[in-house]
Amino acid sequence: MSSDHPKPIKIVWVYPDLLSTYGDQGNTIVLERRAALRGIPTQTVHLRSDERVPVDGDIFLLGGGEDRPQILAAQRLRRDGGLYEAAQRGAVVFAVCAGYQLLGHEFGGEEGQPVPGLGLLDIRSGRGRQRAVGEIVGEVAAELNVPRITGFENHQGITHLGQRVKPLAKVVTGIGNGDGFEGAYSGRVLGTYMHGPALVRNPGLADLLLRWAVGGDIQPIDDSWAGRLREERLKAVLG
């Protein structure tokens, strides 16, 4: 992708006032930086929960959050309808933890009761018996062409995948969805339990989102420092 890219990639950080508990806003910074290194302009919108979702966004990012903000975010996004419309027209959606859960048909509320989600992913989430806290490593689905992923999970969710969705990765260590797999994706909609932030620790995953957004290949960049940091983290976890 050359520097004469016709228009900026519009990155929408969804509801930072509700879904930004674990520093997942760092995902926006990584996308901006990795796009800039390739001469691809970006425009980032920090979308508060009292604002309308811009359906012309190219990449939508959702982060983690506590039970009540997660429920409120799901209610407002369902009522707004803009994120669903954007995804249906082909926008990229990347969601983490609470954001991942609310993309599904339902998730567990404050007392474990089912709360309606957005239905963008064919998944259903509920509460497990034990909380998953710690490092997670996974082997990514081969068709995504992304190296082994690494992150930090902190959740009590169990996520069941339906017929119209595929797991993002097979768990090497950690809990993930609770079934031996981590995350899920369908088309250009992808969710994960990984914090870290996820795209900071997994630049290959960030580049996947950028490829989806531009609709084709992107230039390689020097990832030597990121590679060293990834190897250090993986070695610390796996030995």
C-alpha atoms as a PDB file:
ATOM      1  CA  MET A   1       0.000   0.000   0.000  1.00  0.00           C
ATOM      2  CA  SER A   2       1.528   3.302  -1.062  1.00  0.00           C
ATOM      3  CA  SER A   3       1.399   6.719   0.553  1.00  0.00           C
ATOM      4  CA  ASP A   4      -1.204   7.880  -1.988  1.00  0.00           C
ATOM      5  CA  HIS A   5      -3.883   5.808  -0.283  1.00  0.00           C
ATOM      6  CA  PRO A   6      -7.079   7.637  -1.315  1.00  0.00           C
ATOM      7  CA  LYS A   7      -8.621   8.066   2.112  1.00  0.00           C
ATOM      8  CA  PRO A   8      -7.683   7.443   5.741  1.00  0.00           C
ATOM      9  CA  ILE A   9      -8.643   4.250   7.507  1.00  0.00           C
ATOM     10  CA  LYS A  10     -11.289   5.329  10.003  1.00  0.00           C
ATOM     11  CA  ILE A  11     -10.636   3.631  13.358  1.00  0.00           C
ATOM     12  CA  VAL A  12     -13.467   3.838  15.879  1.00  0.00           C
ATOM     13  CA  TRP A  13     -12.645   3.179  19.547  1.00  0.00           C
ATOM     14  CA  VAL A  14     -16.102   2.210  20.824  1.00  0.00           C
ATOM     15  CA  TYR A  15     -17.303   3.513  24.198  1.00  0.00           C
ATOM     16  CA  PRO A  16     -14.010   4.219  26.040  1.00  0.00           C
ATOM     17  CA  ASP A  17     -16.144   5.542  28.912  1.00  0.00           C
ATOM     18  CA  LEU A  18     -17.595   2.026  29.411  1.00  0.00           C
ATOM     19  CA  LEU A  19     -15.226  -0.495  27.821  1.00  0.00           C
ATOM     20  CA  SER A  20     -11.669   0.535  28.633  1.00  0.00           C
ATOM     21  CA  THR A  21     -10.866  -1.196  31.918  1.00  0.00           C
ATOM     22  CA  TYR A  22      -7.664  -3.030  31.004  1.00  0.00           C
ATOM     23  CA  GLY A  23      -5.762  -0.619  28.782  1.00  0.00           C
ATOM     24  CA  ASP A  24      -7.169  -2.043  25.551  1.00  0.00           C
ATOM     25  CA  GLN A  25      -7.110   1.451  24.057  1.00  0.00           C
ATOM     26  CA  GLY A  26      -3.501   0.582  23.254  1.00  0.00           C
ATOM     27  CA  ASN A  27      -4.898  -1.410  20.340  1.00  0.00           C
ATOM     28  CA  THR A  28      -5.809   1.854  18.598  1.00  0.00           C
ATOM     29  CA  ILE A  29      -2.272   3.199  19.024  1.00  0.00           C
ATOM     30  CA  VAL A  30      -0.742   0.075  17.484  1.00  0.00           C
ATOM     31  CA  LEU A  31      -3.018   0.215  14.452  1.00  0.00           C
ATOM     32  CA  GLU A  32      -2.264   3.918  13.947  1.00  0.00           C
ATOM     33  CA  ARG A  33       1.487   3.326  14.197  1.00  0.00           C
ATOM     34  CA  ARG A  34       1.654   0.252  11.977  1.00  0.00           C
ATOM     35  CA  ALA A  35      -0.467   1.975   9.355  1.00  0.00           C
ATOM     36  CA  ALA A  36       1.697   5.127   9.502  1.00  0.00           C
ATOM     37  CA  LEU A  37       4.880   3.104   8.979  1.00  0.00           C
ATOM     38  CA  ARG A  38       3.366   1.970   5.693  1.00  0.00           C
ATOM     39  CA  GLY A  39       2.229   5.428   4.616  1.00  0.00           C
ATOM     40  CA  ILE A  40      -1.417   4.601   5.254  1.00  0.00           C
ATOM     41  CA  PRO A  41      -3.266   7.546   6.832  1.00  0.00           C
ATOM     42  CA  THR A  42      -5.678   6.934   9.698  1.00  0.00           C
ATOM     43  CA  GLN A  43      -8.416   8.876  11.428  1.00  0.00           C
ATOM     44  CA  THR A  44      -9.305   7.773  14.951  1.00  0.00           C
ATOM     45  CA  VAL A  45     -12.647   8.489  16.608  1.00  0.00           C
ATOM     46  CA  HIS A  46     -13.064   8.035  20.370  1.00  0.00           C
ATOM     47  CA  LEU A  47     -16.772   7.298  20.465  1.00  0.00           C
ATOM     48  CA  ARG A  48     -18.476   7.988  23.793  1.00  0.00           C
ATOM     49  CA  SER A  49     -21.542   5.988  24.758  1.00  0.00           C
ATOM     50  CA  ASP A  50     -23.847   8.992  24.326  1.00  0.00           C
ATOM     51  CA  GLU A  51     -22.815   9.410  20.667  1.00  0.00           C
ATOM     52  CA  ARG A  52     -24.102   7.760  17.512  1.00  0.00           C
ATOM     53  CA  VAL A  53     -21.967   5.008  15.990  1.00  0.00           C
ATOM     54  CA  PRO A  54     -20.509   6.216  12.661  1.00  0.00           C
ATOM     55  CA  VAL A  55     -21.453   3.546  10.139  1.00  0.00           C
ATOM     56  CA  ASP A  56     -18.664   4.686   7.790  1.00  0.00           C
ATOM     57  CA  GLY A  57     -15.935   3.390  10.128  1.00  0.00           C
ATOM     58  CA  ASP A  58     -13.398   0.939   8.713  1.00  0.00           C
ATOM     59  CA  ILE A  59     -12.170  -0.682  11.950  1.00  0.00           C
ATOM     60  CA  PHE A  60     -14.186  -0.784  15.175  1.00  0.00           C
ATOM     61  CA  LEU A  61     -12.414  -1.661  18.441  1.00  0.00           C
ATOM     62  CA  LEU A  62     -14.115  -2.721  21.683  1.00  0.00           C
ATOM     63  CA  GLY A  63     -12.308  -3.315  24.957  1.00  0.00           C
ATOM     64  CA  GLY A  64     -12.890  -4.960  28.316  1.00  0.00           C
ATOM     65  CA  GLY A  65     -15.200  -3.791  31.065  1.00  0.00           C
ATOM     66  CA  GLU A  66     -16.997  -4.734  34.258  1.00  0.00           C
ATOM     67  CA  ASP A  67     -20.449  -6.352  34.312  1.00  0.00           C
ATOM     68  CA  ARG A  68     -22.625  -3.251  34.563  1.00  0.00           C
ATOM     69  CA  PRO A  69     -20.783  -1.176  31.920  1.00  0.00           C
ATOM     70  CA  GLN A  70     -20.796  -4.242  29.641  1.00  0.00           C
ATOM     71  CA  ILE A  71     -24.580  -4.562  29.963  1.00  0.00           C
ATOM     72  CA  LEU A  72     -25.059  -0.841  29.377  1.00  0.00           C
ATOM     73  CA  ALA A  73     -22.782  -0.919  26.333  1.00  0.00           C
ATOM     74  CA  ALA A  74     -24.701  -3.859  24.846  1.00  0.00           C
ATOM     75  CA  GLN A  75     -28.022  -2.104  25.392  1.00  0.00           C
ATOM     76  CA  ARG A  76     -26.852   1.134  23.792  1.00  0.00           C
ATOM     77  CA  LEU A  77     -25.191  -0.579  20.829  1.00  0.00           C
ATOM     78  CA  ARG A  78     -28.303  -2.657  20.185  1.00  0.00           C
ATOM     79  CA  ARG A  79     -30.496   0.429  20.345  1.00  0.00           C
ATOM     80  CA  ASP A  80     -28.135   2.432  18.126  1.00  0.00           C
ATOM     81  CA  GLY A  81     -27.769  -0.232  15.436  1.00  0.00           C
ATOM     82  CA  GLY A  82     -24.791   1.471  13.801  1.00  0.00           C
ATOM     83  CA  LEU A  83     -22.162  -1.135  14.675  1.00  0.00           C
ATOM     84  CA  TYR A  84     -24.361  -3.929  13.359  1.00  0.00           C
ATOM     85  CA  GLU A  85     -24.961  -1.989  10.130  1.00  0.00           C
ATOM     86  CA  ALA A  86     -21.253  -1.263   9.689  1.00  0.00           C
ATOM     87  CA  ALA A  87     -20.321  -4.920  10.216  1.00  0.00           C
ATOM     88  CA  GLN A  88     -22.955  -6.037   7.731  1.00  0.00           C
ATOM     89  CA  ARG A  89     -21.450  -3.799   5.059  1.00  0.00           C
ATOM     90  CA  GLY A  90     -17.976  -5.279   5.679  1.00  0.00           C
ATOM     91  CA  ALA A  91     -16.304  -3.150   8.361  1.00  0.00           C
ATOM     92  CA  VAL A  92     -13.674  -4.799  10.553  1.00  0.00           C
ATOM     93  CA  VAL A  93     -14.689  -5.381  14.189  1.00  0.00           C
ATOM     94  CA  PHE A  94     -12.113  -6.396  16.813  1.00  0.00           C
ATOM     95  CA  ALA A  95     -13.362  -6.958  20.361  1.00  0.00           C
ATOM     96  CA  VAL A  96     -11.669  -7.998  23.602  1.00  0.00           C
ATOM     97  CA  CYS A  97     -13.116  -9.809  26.639  1.00  0.00           C
ATOM     98  CA  ALA A  98     -16.378  -8.039  27.593  1.00  0.00           C
ATOM     99  CA  GLY A  99     -16.466  -6.577  24.083  1.00  0.00           C
ATOM    100  CA  TYR A 100     -15.997 -10.072  22.641  1.00  0.00           C
ATOM    101  CA  GLN A 101     -18.863 -11.475  24.700  1.00  0.00           C
ATOM    102  CA  LEU A 102     -21.332  -8.752  23.764  1.00  0.00           C
ATOM    103  CA  LEU A 103     -20.760  -9.434  20.055  1.00  0.00           C
ATOM    104  CA  GLY A 104     -22.542 -12.760  20.558  1.00  0.00           C
ATOM    105  CA  HIS A 105     -26.192 -13.697  20.973  1.00  0.00           C
ATOM    106  CA  GLU A 106     -26.033 -13.471  24.777  1.00  0.00           C
ATOM    107  CA  PHE A 107     -23.658 -13.189  27.729  1.00  0.00           C
ATOM    108  CA  GLY A 108     -23.867 -13.541  31.505  1.00  0.00           C
ATOM    109  CA  GLY A 109     -25.029 -10.516  33.495  1.00  0.00           C
ATOM    110  CA  GLU A 110     -24.197  -9.449  37.054  1.00  0.00           C
ATOM    111  CA  GLU A 111     -26.013 -12.441  38.566  1.00  0.00           C
ATOM    112  CA  GLY A 112     -25.244 -14.765  35.692  1.00  0.00           C
ATOM    113  CA  GLN A 113     -28.562 -14.038  33.980  1.00  0.00           C
ATOM    114  CA  PRO A 114     -28.494 -14.075  30.148  1.00  0.00           C
ATOM    115  CA  VAL A 115     -28.218 -10.611  28.594  1.00  0.00           C
ATOM    116  CA  PRO A 116     -28.907 -10.111  24.858  1.00  0.00           C
ATOM    117  CA  GLY A 117     -25.878  -9.278  22.745  1.00  0.00           C
ATOM    118  CA  LEU A 118     -25.496  -7.879  19.233  1.00  0.00           C
ATOM    119  CA  GLY A 119     -25.560 -11.151  17.298  1.00  0.00           C
ATOM    120  CA  LEU A 120     -22.501 -10.260  15.209  1.00  0.00           C
ATOM    121  CA  LEU A 121     -20.842 -13.558  16.146  1.00  0.00           C
ATOM    122  CA  ASP A 122     -22.571 -16.921  16.491  1.00  0.00           C
ATOM    123  CA  ILE A 123     -21.465 -17.385  20.105  1.00  0.00           C
ATOM    124  CA  ARG A 124     -23.102 -17.560  23.527  1.00  0.00           C
ATOM    125  CA  SER A 125     -21.258 -16.710  26.723  1.00  0.00           C
ATOM    126  CA  GLY A 126     -22.032 -17.381  30.362  1.00  0.00           C
ATOM    127  CA  ARG A 127     -20.275 -17.583  33.703  1.00  0.00           C
ATOM    128  CA  GLY A 128     -17.849 -20.364  34.551  1.00  0.00           C
ATOM    129  CA  ARG A 129     -17.176 -21.702  38.031  1.00  0.00           C
ATOM    130  CA  GLN A 130     -13.639 -20.369  38.251  1.00  0.00           C
ATOM    131  CA  ARG A 131     -12.027 -17.157  37.099  1.00  0.00           C
ATOM    132  CA  ALA A 132      -9.370 -17.424  34.392  1.00  0.00           C
ATOM    133  CA  VAL A 133      -6.447 -15.182  35.310  1.00  0.00           C
ATOM    134  CA  GLY A 134      -3.006 -15.427  33.744  1.00  0.00           C
ATOM    135  CA  GLU A 135      -1.035 -15.739  30.551  1.00  0.00           C
ATOM    136  CA  ILE A 136      -2.596 -17.354  27.486  1.00  0.00           C
ATOM    137  CA  VAL A 137      -0.871 -18.618  24.352  1.00  0.00           C
ATOM    138  CA  GLY A 138      -2.570 -20.028  21.281  1.00  0.00           C
ATOM    139  CA  GLU A 139      -1.876 -21.427  17.819  1.00  0.00           C
ATOM    140  CA  VAL A 140      -3.889 -19.328  15.359  1.00  0.00           C
ATOM    141  CA  ALA A 141      -6.127 -20.853  12.691  1.00  0.00           C
ATOM    142  CA  ALA A 142      -3.885 -21.496   9.668  1.00  0.00           C
ATOM    143  CA  GLU A 143      -6.087 -19.615   7.196  1.00  0.00           C
ATOM    144  CA  LEU A 144      -5.516 -16.327   9.062  1.00  0.00           C
ATOM    145  CA  ASN A 145      -1.738 -16.492   8.509  1.00  0.00           C
ATOM    146  CA  VAL A 146      -0.935 -15.018  11.936  1.00  0.00           C
ATOM    147  CA  PRO A 147       1.886 -16.266  14.210  1.00  0.00           C
ATOM    148  CA  ARG A 148       1.257 -17.795  17.631  1.00  0.00           C
ATOM    149  CA  ILE A 149      -0.647 -15.342  19.836  1.00  0.00           C
ATOM    150  CA  THR A 150       0.154 -14.318  23.389  1.00  0.00           C
ATOM    151  CA  GLY A 151      -1.861 -12.321  25.892  1.00  0.00           C
ATOM    152  CA  PHE A 152      -3.222 -11.963  29.406  1.00  0.00           C
ATOM    153  CA  GLU A 153      -6.716 -13.130  30.322  1.00  0.00           C
ATOM    154  CA  ASN A 154      -8.802 -12.057  33.299  1.00  0.00           C
ATOM    155  CA  HIS A 155     -12.395 -13.256  33.032  1.00  0.00           C
ATOM    156  CA  GLN A 156     -14.955 -15.705  34.353  1.00  0.00           C
ATOM    157  CA  GLY A 157     -16.607 -16.291  31.005  1.00  0.00           C
ATOM    158  CA  ILE A 158     -17.266 -19.524  29.186  1.00  0.00           C
ATOM    159  CA  THR A 159     -17.987 -19.042  25.491  1.00  0.00           C
ATOM    160  CA  HIS A 160     -19.691 -21.604  23.266  1.00  0.00           C
ATOM    161  CA  LEU A 161     -19.149 -21.327  19.509  1.00  0.00           C
ATOM    162  CA  GLY A 162     -21.981 -21.948  17.066  1.00  0.00           C
ATOM    163  CA  GLN A 163     -21.964 -23.326  13.525  1.00  0.00           C
ATOM    164  CA  ARG A 164     -21.368 -19.986  11.800  1.00  0.00           C
ATOM    165  CA  VAL A 165     -18.129 -19.066  13.550  1.00  0.00           C
ATOM    166  CA  LYS A 166     -14.594 -20.463  13.820  1.00  0.00           C
ATOM    167  CA  PRO A 167     -12.182 -20.415  16.772  1.00  0.00           C
ATOM    168  CA  LEU A 168      -9.377 -17.880  16.529  1.00  0.00           C
ATOM    169  CA  ALA A 169      -6.782 -20.202  18.051  1.00  0.00           C
ATOM    170  CA  LYS A 170      -6.158 -23.513  19.787  1.00  0.00           C
ATOM    171  CA  VAL A 171      -5.016 -22.963  23.378  1.00  0.00           C
ATOM    172  CA  VAL A 172      -1.433 -23.954  24.187  1.00  0.00           C
ATOM    173  CA  THR A 173      -1.638 -22.648  27.734  1.00  0.00           C
ATOM    174  CA  GLY A 174      -4.444 -20.786  29.479  1.00  0.00           C
ATOM    175  CA  ILE A 175      -8.244 -21.068  29.416  1.00  0.00           C
ATOM    176  CA  GLY A 176      -9.670 -18.951  26.588  1.00  0.00           C
ATOM    177  CA  ASN A 177     -13.236 -19.937  25.719  1.00  0.00           C
ATOM    178  CA  GLY A 178     -13.102 -22.858  28.143  1.00  0.00           C
ATOM    179  CA  ASP A 179     -13.250 -25.553  25.449  1.00  0.00           C
ATOM    180  CA  GLY A 180      -9.585 -25.737  24.448  1.00  0.00           C
ATOM    181  CA  PHE A 181      -9.917 -22.843  22.026  1.00  0.00           C
ATOM    182  CA  GLU A 182      -9.479 -19.088  22.282  1.00  0.00           C
ATOM    183  CA  GLY A 183     -11.610 -16.399  20.669  1.00  0.00           C
ATOM    184  CA  ALA A 184     -13.737 -16.598  17.535  1.00  0.00           C
ATOM    185  CA  TYR A 185     -14.101 -14.994  14.133  1.00  0.00           C
ATOM    186  CA  SER A 186     -16.463 -14.842  11.200  1.00  0.00           C
ATOM    187  CA  GLY A 187     -15.749 -12.758   8.125  1.00  0.00           C
ATOM    188  CA  ARG A 188     -14.088  -9.561   9.363  1.00  0.00           C
ATOM    189  CA  VAL A 189     -15.500  -9.781  12.896  1.00  0.00           C
ATOM    190  CA  LEU A 190     -13.032 -11.159  15.456  1.00  0.00           C
ATOM    191  CA  GLY A 191     -13.158 -11.489  19.238  1.00  0.00           C
ATOM    192  CA  THR A 192     -10.667 -12.626  21.863  1.00  0.00           C
ATOM    193  CA  TYR A 193     -10.197 -12.796  25.627  1.00  0.00           C
ATOM    194  CA  MET A 194      -6.604 -11.517  25.305  1.00  0.00           C
ATOM    195  CA  HIS A 195      -5.510  -8.307  26.940  1.00  0.00           C
ATOM    196  CA  GLY A 196      -1.958  -7.062  26.830  1.00  0.00           C
ATOM    197  CA  PRO A 197      -3.120  -5.057  24.857  1.00  0.00           C
ATOM    198  CA  ALA A 198      -3.666  -7.825  22.317  1.00  0.00           C
ATOM    199  CA  LEU A 199      -2.395  -5.928  19.273  1.00  0.00           C
ATOM    200  CA  VAL A 200       0.672  -4.655  21.127  1.00  0.00           C
ATOM    201  CA  ARG A 201       1.725  -8.205  21.923  1.00  0.00           C
ATOM    202  CA  ASN A 202       0.632  -9.588  18.575  1.00  0.00           C
ATOM    203  CA  PRO A 203       1.573  -7.269  15.691  1.00  0.00           C
ATOM    204  CA  GLY A 204       0.663 -10.012  13.219  1.00  0.00           C
ATOM    205  CA  LEU A 205      -2.910  -9.786  14.455  1.00  0.00           C
ATOM    206  CA  ALA A 206      -2.845  -6.005  14.006  1.00  0.00           C
ATOM    207  CA  ASP A 207      -1.642  -6.460  10.432  1.00  0.00           C
ATOM    208  CA  LEU A 208      -4.477  -8.917   9.762  1.00  0.00           C
ATOM    209  CA  LEU A 209      -6.978  -6.199  10.688  1.00  0.00           C
ATOM    210  CA  LEU A 210      -5.174  -3.691   8.473  1.00  0.00           C
ATOM    211  CA  ARG A 211      -5.194  -6.118   5.529  1.00  0.00           C
ATOM    212  CA  TRP A 212      -8.908  -6.633   6.003  1.00  0.00           C
ATOM    213  CA  ALA A 213      -9.477  -2.874   6.186  1.00  0.00           C
ATOM    214  CA  VAL A 214      -7.558  -2.028   2.987  1.00  0.00           C
ATOM    215  CA  GLY A 215      -8.824  -5.089   1.164  1.00  0.00           C
ATOM    216  CA  GLY A 216      -5.436  -6.471   0.177  1.00  0.00           C
ATOM    217  CA  ASP A 217      -1.764  -6.898   0.983  1.00  0.00           C
ATOM    218  CA  ILE A 218       0.229  -4.360   2.975  1.00  0.00           C
ATOM    219  CA  GLN A 219       3.946  -3.611   2.905  1.00  0.00           C
ATOM    220  CA  PRO A 220       6.217  -5.506   5.315  1.00  0.00           C
ATOM    221  CA  ILE A 221       7.902  -3.417   8.012  1.00  0.00           C
ATOM    222  CA  ASP A 222      10.837  -3.983  10.344  1.00  0.00           C
ATOM    223  CA  ASP A 223       9.474  -5.975  13.277  1.00  0.00           C
ATOM    224  CA  SER A 224      12.805  -6.906  14.865  1.00  0.00           C
ATOM    225  CA  TRP A 225      12.106  -5.163  18.184  1.00  0.00           C
ATOM    226  CA  ALA A 226       8.551  -6.419  18.392  1.00  0.00           C
ATOM    227  CA  GLY A 227       9.805  -9.890  17.549  1.00  0.00           C
ATOM    228  CA  ARG A 228      12.350  -9.830  20.351  1.00  0.00           C
ATOM    229  CA  LEU A 229       9.757  -8.711  22.884  1.00  0.00           C
ATOM    230  CA  ARG A 230       7.354 -11.428  21.715  1.00  0.00           C
ATOM    231  CA  GLU A 231      10.017 -14.111  22.032  1.00  0.00           C
ATOM    232  CA  GLU A 232      10.895 -12.932  25.538  1.00  0.00           C
ATOM    233  CA  ARG A 233       7.244 -13.082  26.570  1.00  0.00           C
ATOM    234  CA  LEU A 234       6.661 -16.515  25.022  1.00  0.00           C
ATOM    235  CA  LYS A 235       9.837 -17.859  26.635  1.00  0.00           C
ATOM    236  CA  ALA A 236       8.743 -16.517  30.017  1.00  0.00           C
ATOM    237  CA  VAL A 237       5.407 -18.304  29.683  1.00  0.00           C
ATOM    238  CA  LEU A 238       6.375 -21.532  27.936  1.00  0.00           C
ATOM    239  CA  GLY A 239       9.992 -21.909  29.069  1.00  0.00           C
END
